N, C-alpha and C. Protein backbone atom coordinates (compact mmCIF):
# COMPACT_ATOMS: atom_id res chain seq x y z
N ILE A 1 0.71 -1.19 0.23
CA ILE A 1 0.01 0.00 -0.11
C ILE A 1 0.84 1.26 -0.07
N LYS A 2 0.54 2.18 -1.23
CA LYS A 2 1.24 3.22 -0.64
C LYS A 2 0.86 4.53 0.13
N LEU A 3 1.49 4.78 1.10
CA LEU A 3 0.70 5.85 1.84
C LEU A 3 1.26 7.70 1.63
N ASP A 4 0.09 8.23 1.47
CA ASP A 4 0.52 9.80 1.33
C ASP A 4 1.61 10.26 2.06
N SER A 5 2.92 10.42 1.60
CA SER A 5 4.01 11.00 2.03
C SER A 5 4.01 12.31 3.13
N SER A 6 2.66 13.12 2.91
CA SER A 6 2.68 13.75 3.60
C SER A 6 2.04 13.70 4.72
N ALA A 7 1.41 12.57 5.26
CA ALA A 7 0.48 12.08 6.29
C ALA A 7 1.66 11.02 7.35
N SER A 8 1.75 11.49 8.19
CA SER A 8 2.40 10.62 9.46
C SER A 8 1.71 9.68 9.83
N GLU A 9 2.49 8.10 10.04
CA GLU A 9 1.74 6.92 10.40
C GLU A 9 1.13 7.08 11.84
N ILE A 10 1.82 8.16 12.43
CA ILE A 10 1.15 7.98 13.87
C ILE A 10 0.11 9.13 13.82
N GLY A 11 0.15 9.89 12.90
CA GLY A 11 -1.13 11.00 12.91
C GLY A 11 -2.37 10.24 12.15
N MET A 12 -2.14 8.85 11.08
CA MET A 12 -3.00 8.29 10.41
C MET A 12 -3.83 7.37 11.81
N LEU A 13 -2.84 6.92 12.39
CA LEU A 13 -3.42 5.98 13.67
C LEU A 13 -4.12 6.97 14.32
N TYR A 14 -4.10 8.03 14.86
CA TYR A 14 -4.47 8.43 16.05
C TYR A 14 -5.91 8.97 15.36
N GLY A 15 -6.15 9.04 13.89
CA GLY A 15 -7.12 9.29 13.15
C GLY A 15 -8.02 8.08 13.66
N LEU A 16 -7.34 6.76 13.22
CA LEU A 16 -8.36 5.72 12.88
C LEU A 16 -9.06 5.30 14.59
N ILE A 17 -7.82 5.88 15.44
CA ILE A 17 -8.26 5.18 16.88
C ILE A 17 -9.78 6.23 17.32
N SER A 18 -9.67 7.88 16.72
CA SER A 18 -10.84 8.50 17.22
C SER A 18 -11.70 8.05 16.35
N LYS A 19 -11.47 7.19 15.44
CA LYS A 19 -13.20 6.87 14.34
C LYS A 19 -13.70 5.46 15.37
N VAL A 20 -12.72 4.75 15.60
CA VAL A 20 -13.26 3.49 15.94
C VAL A 20 -13.44 3.72 17.51
N ARG A 21 -13.13 4.97 18.27
CA ARG A 21 -13.56 5.10 19.30
C ARG A 21 -15.67 5.67 19.11
N VAL A 22 -15.41 6.26 18.61
CA VAL A 22 -16.46 6.75 17.95
C VAL A 22 -17.65 5.85 17.66
N LEU A 23 -17.19 4.86 16.94
CA LEU A 23 -18.36 3.72 16.80
C LEU A 23 -18.49 3.07 17.78
N LEU A 24 -17.38 2.54 18.71
CA LEU A 24 -17.95 1.95 19.66
C LEU A 24 -18.83 3.07 20.58
N LEU A 25 -18.76 4.04 20.99
CA LEU A 25 -19.87 4.73 21.66
C LEU A 25 -21.16 4.39 21.19
N LEU A 26 -20.84 4.66 19.87
CA LEU A 26 -22.47 4.81 19.25
C LEU A 26 -22.86 3.79 19.46
N LYS A 27 -21.86 2.55 19.23
CA LYS A 27 -22.59 1.09 19.17
C LYS A 27 -22.96 0.82 21.06
N GLU A 28 -22.68 1.69 21.76
CA GLU A 28 -23.07 1.35 22.99
C GLU A 28 -24.37 2.34 23.25
N LEU A 29 -24.42 3.03 22.73
CA LEU A 29 -25.69 4.03 23.06
C LEU A 29 -27.11 3.45 21.97
N LEU A 30 -26.35 2.55 20.87
CA LEU A 30 -27.35 1.55 20.35
C LEU A 30 -27.91 0.61 21.27
N ASP A 31 -26.94 -0.17 21.88
CA ASP A 31 -27.31 -1.18 22.65
C ASP A 31 -27.81 -1.07 23.84
N GLN A 32 -27.79 -0.06 24.40
CA GLN A 32 -28.52 0.99 25.65
C GLN A 32 -30.21 1.35 25.31
N GLY A 33 -29.92 1.34 23.69
CA GLY A 33 -31.40 1.87 23.55
C GLY A 33 -31.59 3.33 23.63
N LEU A 34 -30.65 4.09 23.83
CA LEU A 34 -30.48 5.56 23.84
C LEU A 34 -30.62 6.29 22.37
N LEU A 35 -29.85 5.18 21.43
CA LEU A 35 -30.19 6.12 20.26
C LEU A 35 -30.50 4.58 18.90
N ARG A 36 -31.32 4.84 18.30
CA ARG A 36 -31.39 4.03 17.12
C ARG A 36 -31.53 4.36 15.51
N ASN A 37 -31.24 3.45 14.84
CA ASN A 37 -30.99 3.96 13.42
C ASN A 37 -32.04 4.36 13.07
N THR A 38 -31.92 5.45 12.24
CA THR A 38 -32.47 6.48 11.23
C THR A 38 -31.93 6.84 10.14
N SER A 39 -32.42 7.58 9.19
CA SER A 39 -32.02 7.79 7.83
C SER A 39 -32.24 9.91 8.21
N SER A 40 -32.94 9.94 9.40
CA SER A 40 -33.45 11.37 9.38
C SER A 40 -32.35 12.02 10.50
N TYR A 41 -31.52 12.89 9.67
CA TYR A 41 -30.69 13.61 10.89
C TYR A 41 -31.52 14.39 11.64
N SER A 42 -32.37 15.03 11.68
CA SER A 42 -33.45 15.86 12.74
C SER A 42 -33.86 14.79 13.66
N GLN A 43 -34.41 13.51 13.62
CA GLN A 43 -34.41 12.62 14.44
C GLN A 43 -33.52 12.10 15.26
N PHE A 44 -32.31 12.19 14.46
CA PHE A 44 -31.10 11.67 15.31
C PHE A 44 -30.67 12.69 15.98
N LYS A 45 -30.82 13.65 15.51
CA LYS A 45 -30.27 14.77 16.49
C LYS A 45 -31.53 14.93 17.92
N THR A 46 -32.77 14.88 17.54
CA THR A 46 -33.23 14.94 18.97
C THR A 46 -33.33 13.63 19.55
N MET A 47 -32.99 12.58 19.23
CA MET A 47 -32.75 11.35 20.03
C MET A 47 -31.17 11.86 20.69
N LEU A 48 -30.36 12.45 20.42
CA LEU A 48 -28.90 12.61 20.99
C LEU A 48 -29.35 13.86 21.99
N GLU A 49 -30.00 14.55 21.65
CA GLU A 49 -30.20 15.64 22.43
C GLU A 49 -31.37 15.22 24.03
N ASN A 50 -31.72 14.26 23.74
CA ASN A 50 -32.60 13.47 24.93
C ASN A 50 -31.97 12.44 26.02
N ILE A 51 -30.65 12.31 25.38
CA ILE A 51 -29.41 11.23 26.32
C ILE A 51 -29.56 12.25 27.67
N PRO A 52 -29.64 11.27 28.49
CA PRO A 52 -29.34 12.13 29.83
C PRO A 52 -27.58 12.45 29.60
N ALA A 53 -27.45 13.37 30.41
CA ALA A 53 -25.92 13.42 30.69
C ALA A 53 -25.24 12.87 31.52
N GLU A 54 -25.84 11.90 32.51
CA GLU A 54 -25.35 11.05 33.39
C GLU A 54 -25.21 9.71 32.82
N SER A 55 -25.75 9.65 31.77
CA SER A 55 -25.46 8.33 30.88
C SER A 55 -24.45 8.24 29.76
N VAL A 56 -23.77 9.62 29.91
CA VAL A 56 -22.52 9.27 29.14
C VAL A 56 -21.33 9.65 30.13
N PRO A 57 -20.06 9.48 29.34
CA PRO A 57 -18.60 9.94 30.10
C PRO A 57 -18.65 11.50 30.35
N GLN A 58 -17.97 11.89 31.08
CA GLN A 58 -18.24 13.55 31.44
C GLN A 58 -17.07 14.25 30.63
N ASP A 59 -15.81 12.97 30.44
CA ASP A 59 -14.63 13.66 29.56
C ASP A 59 -15.34 13.74 28.14
N LYS A 60 -14.58 14.96 27.91
CA LYS A 60 -15.47 15.55 26.33
C LYS A 60 -14.76 14.46 25.35
N LYS A 61 -13.48 13.79 25.54
CA LYS A 61 -13.15 12.95 24.80
C LYS A 61 -13.75 12.02 24.11
N PHE A 62 -14.81 11.44 25.20
CA PHE A 62 -15.61 10.25 25.43
C PHE A 62 -16.87 10.34 25.33
N ASN A 63 -17.18 12.07 25.53
CA ASN A 63 -18.56 12.32 25.32
C ASN A 63 -19.14 12.67 24.14
N PRO A 64 -20.38 11.51 23.89
CA PRO A 64 -20.76 11.71 22.42
C PRO A 64 -21.41 13.17 22.49
N LEU A 65 -22.13 13.54 23.60
CA LEU A 65 -22.65 14.67 23.47
C LEU A 65 -22.02 15.77 23.16
N ALA A 66 -20.71 15.60 23.46
CA ALA A 66 -19.94 17.25 23.31
C ALA A 66 -19.26 17.12 21.61
N MET A 67 -19.74 16.01 20.99
CA MET A 67 -19.17 15.72 19.72
C MET A 67 -20.05 16.17 18.61
N HIS A 68 -19.86 16.58 17.27
CA HIS A 68 -20.99 17.05 16.26
C HIS A 68 -21.81 16.28 16.15
N PRO A 69 -23.06 16.67 15.94
CA PRO A 69 -23.99 15.41 16.05
C PRO A 69 -24.19 15.31 14.44
N PHE A 70 -23.70 16.36 13.21
CA PHE A 70 -23.64 15.50 12.06
C PHE A 70 -22.59 14.46 12.04
N LEU A 71 -21.40 14.78 12.48
CA LEU A 71 -19.84 13.46 12.59
C LEU A 71 -20.60 12.06 13.11
N LEU A 72 -21.38 12.60 14.32
CA LEU A 72 -22.13 11.24 14.70
C LEU A 72 -22.81 10.70 14.25
N PHE A 73 -24.15 11.17 13.37
CA PHE A 73 -24.98 11.10 12.15
C PHE A 73 -24.75 9.74 11.55
N ASN A 74 -23.23 10.76 10.94
CA ASN A 74 -22.47 9.90 9.47
C ASN A 74 -22.06 8.59 9.90
N SER A 75 -21.79 8.69 11.44
CA SER A 75 -20.70 7.29 11.86
C SER A 75 -21.95 6.49 12.12
N MET A 76 -23.17 6.61 12.47
CA MET A 76 -23.82 5.84 13.01
C MET A 76 -24.43 4.58 12.09
N ALA A 77 -24.27 4.69 10.47
CA ALA A 77 -24.86 3.41 9.81
C ALA A 77 -23.17 2.56 9.99
N HIS A 78 -22.33 3.36 10.20
CA HIS A 78 -21.08 2.31 10.13
C HIS A 78 -20.71 1.35 11.17
N ALA A 79 -21.68 2.26 12.53
CA ALA A 79 -21.54 1.53 13.52
C ALA A 79 -22.50 0.26 13.58
N SER A 80 -23.18 0.45 12.81
CA SER A 80 -24.13 -0.99 12.55
C SER A 80 -23.77 -1.98 12.06
N ASN A 81 -22.46 -1.76 11.31
CA ASN A 81 -21.93 -2.46 10.78
C ASN A 81 -20.93 -3.39 11.27
N TYR A 82 -20.68 -3.19 12.66
CA TYR A 82 -19.63 -3.77 13.26
C TYR A 82 -20.43 -4.65 14.70
N SER A 83 -20.29 -5.80 15.13
CA SER A 83 -20.55 -5.99 16.51
C SER A 83 -19.37 -5.02 17.57
N LYS A 84 -19.51 -5.33 18.79
CA LYS A 84 -19.11 -4.57 19.58
C LYS A 84 -17.96 -5.30 19.76
N SER A 85 -17.69 -6.84 19.71
CA SER A 85 -16.55 -7.64 19.77
C SER A 85 -15.63 -7.01 18.94
N GLU A 86 -16.12 -6.97 17.41
CA GLU A 86 -15.23 -6.23 16.68
C GLU A 86 -14.40 -4.90 16.73
N LEU A 87 -15.29 -4.04 16.89
CA LEU A 87 -14.80 -2.70 17.77
C LEU A 87 -13.98 -2.66 18.66
N ILE A 88 -14.19 -3.02 19.65
CA ILE A 88 -12.96 -3.48 20.61
C ILE A 88 -11.67 -4.50 20.13
N ARG A 89 -11.80 -5.38 19.38
CA ARG A 89 -10.64 -6.19 18.84
C ARG A 89 -10.04 -4.96 18.22
N GLY A 90 -10.71 -4.52 17.55
CA GLY A 90 -9.99 -2.93 16.44
C GLY A 90 -9.12 -2.02 17.43
N MET A 91 -9.97 -1.85 18.73
CA MET A 91 -9.53 -0.66 19.47
C MET A 91 -7.82 -1.63 20.15
N ASP A 92 -7.70 -2.77 20.10
CA ASP A 92 -6.62 -3.32 21.01
C ASP A 92 -5.70 -3.56 19.89
N ALA A 93 -6.16 -3.77 18.53
CA ALA A 93 -4.85 -3.82 17.54
C ALA A 93 -4.71 -2.27 17.75
N LEU A 94 -5.02 -1.27 17.53
CA LEU A 94 -4.77 -0.07 17.33
C LEU A 94 -3.82 0.26 18.22
N LEU A 95 -4.38 -0.02 19.74
CA LEU A 95 -3.48 0.03 21.08
C LEU A 95 -1.93 -0.33 20.56
N GLN A 96 -1.77 -1.89 20.41
CA GLN A 96 -1.07 -2.08 19.68
C GLN A 96 0.06 -1.45 18.87
N CYS A 97 -0.33 -1.25 17.70
CA CYS A 97 0.18 -0.96 16.63
C CYS A 97 0.95 0.60 17.22
N ASN A 98 0.25 1.20 18.20
CA ASN A 98 0.58 2.48 18.93
C ASN A 98 1.92 2.12 19.42
N LEU A 99 1.66 1.15 20.47
CA LEU A 99 2.93 0.40 20.92
C LEU A 99 4.19 0.24 20.21
N LYS A 100 3.89 -0.38 18.93
CA LYS A 100 4.94 -0.56 18.03
C LYS A 100 5.54 0.59 17.79
N LEU A 101 4.67 1.32 17.18
CA LEU A 101 5.11 2.80 16.76
C LEU A 101 5.95 3.66 17.47
N VAL A 102 5.71 3.57 18.65
CA VAL A 102 6.29 4.84 19.52
C VAL A 102 7.76 4.08 20.47
N GLY A 103 7.05 2.72 20.07
CA GLY A 103 8.40 2.19 20.92
C GLY A 103 9.40 0.96 20.42
N SER A 104 9.47 0.91 19.39
CA SER A 104 10.32 0.20 18.49
C SER A 104 10.79 1.26 17.21
N SER A 105 11.64 0.11 16.69
CA SER A 105 12.35 1.11 15.35
C SER A 105 12.05 0.33 14.06
N LEU A 106 10.89 -0.47 14.21
CA LEU A 106 9.89 -1.13 13.04
C LEU A 106 9.66 0.05 12.01
N ASP A 107 9.61 -0.91 10.68
CA ASP A 107 9.07 0.36 9.55
C ASP A 107 7.63 0.74 9.67
N ALA A 108 7.30 1.67 9.94
CA ALA A 108 6.28 2.48 10.63
C ALA A 108 4.77 2.34 9.53
N SER A 109 4.98 2.12 8.27
CA SER A 109 4.23 1.95 7.21
C SER A 109 3.53 0.44 7.08
N LEU A 110 5.10 -0.23 7.59
CA LEU A 110 4.30 -1.48 7.85
C LEU A 110 3.71 -2.23 8.62
N VAL A 111 3.76 -1.26 9.83
CA VAL A 111 3.32 -1.80 11.10
C VAL A 111 1.95 -1.36 10.93
N LEU A 112 1.62 -0.12 10.37
CA LEU A 112 -0.17 0.49 10.29
C LEU A 112 -0.64 -0.39 9.11
N GLN A 113 -0.06 -1.03 8.38
CA GLN A 113 -0.39 -1.58 7.27
C GLN A 113 -0.63 -3.24 7.63
N GLN A 114 0.23 -3.69 8.39
CA GLN A 114 -0.12 -5.04 8.96
C GLN A 114 -1.55 -4.91 10.18
N THR A 115 -1.59 -4.00 10.90
CA THR A 115 -2.22 -3.56 11.61
C THR A 115 -4.07 -3.54 11.09
N LEU A 116 -3.87 -2.65 10.04
CA LEU A 116 -5.18 -2.58 9.40
C LEU A 116 -5.95 -4.12 8.40
N ILE A 117 -4.67 -4.88 8.39
CA ILE A 117 -4.91 -6.18 7.75
C ILE A 117 -5.68 -6.85 9.08
N ASN A 118 -4.89 -6.83 10.09
CA ASN A 118 -5.58 -7.66 11.10
C ASN A 118 -6.79 -6.90 11.62
N ILE A 119 -7.25 -5.98 11.69
CA ILE A 119 -8.55 -5.38 11.93
C ILE A 119 -10.03 -5.92 10.85
N VAL A 120 -9.35 -5.85 9.28
CA VAL A 120 -10.65 -5.88 8.33
C VAL A 120 -11.06 -7.74 8.70
N GLN A 121 -9.92 -8.49 8.77
CA GLN A 121 -9.94 -9.96 9.01
C GLN A 121 -11.12 -10.15 10.14
N SER A 122 -11.85 -10.77 9.37
CA SER A 122 -13.28 -11.33 10.25
C SER A 122 -13.05 -12.42 11.29
N GLU A 123 -13.74 -12.24 12.22
CA GLU A 123 -13.79 -12.75 13.59
C GLU A 123 -13.64 -14.52 13.24
N ALA A 124 -14.17 -14.82 12.04
CA ALA A 124 -14.33 -16.16 11.69
C ALA A 124 -12.94 -16.83 11.06
N SER A 125 -12.38 -16.07 10.67
CA SER A 125 -11.26 -16.25 9.71
C SER A 125 -10.34 -16.57 11.03
N LEU A 126 -10.28 -15.21 11.93
CA LEU A 126 -9.26 -15.61 13.01
C LEU A 126 -9.34 -16.93 13.84
N ALA A 127 -10.53 -17.42 14.05
CA ALA A 127 -11.19 -18.63 14.74
C ALA A 127 -10.36 -20.04 14.31
N ALA A 128 -10.40 -19.74 12.74
CA ALA A 128 -9.86 -21.04 12.01
C ALA A 128 -8.38 -21.20 12.65
C-alpha cells in the first residue's frame, strides 16, 4: 500500500483510533436503546439531545454529546456494521500498533498496514 508521504503514520493511527472510538460509543448507545438507527438527521439530533447527561462519560473526548451531531449521524450507519467485540478487537489492535510505533524501530508504514489487515479480518477467519 502506498501511503501519502505528507501524512505521518502516527497521525493516521490517531485518526483511526478516534473513528473507532466514536463507533464504539455509538454502538454502546444503540445497545442501551438511547439511540436507534434512522435516516433522518433531525430525528437523530433529537434522540441525541434527549440522552441524559449522566448516561455518558463526562470527559469531552469520550462524550458523544460533546461531539458534532452530524459527525455522529454519519458514523451511525457504520457502527451498525460491526459487533461490539469487533470494535473492541479493533481498538486493541490499534493500541498494539501505537505501542509498536512509539516503542520500536520497526517500519512505521508496515506496522500500520499489518494492523489494518488484522482489523479487517473477520472474526471467523481468526477462529480458524
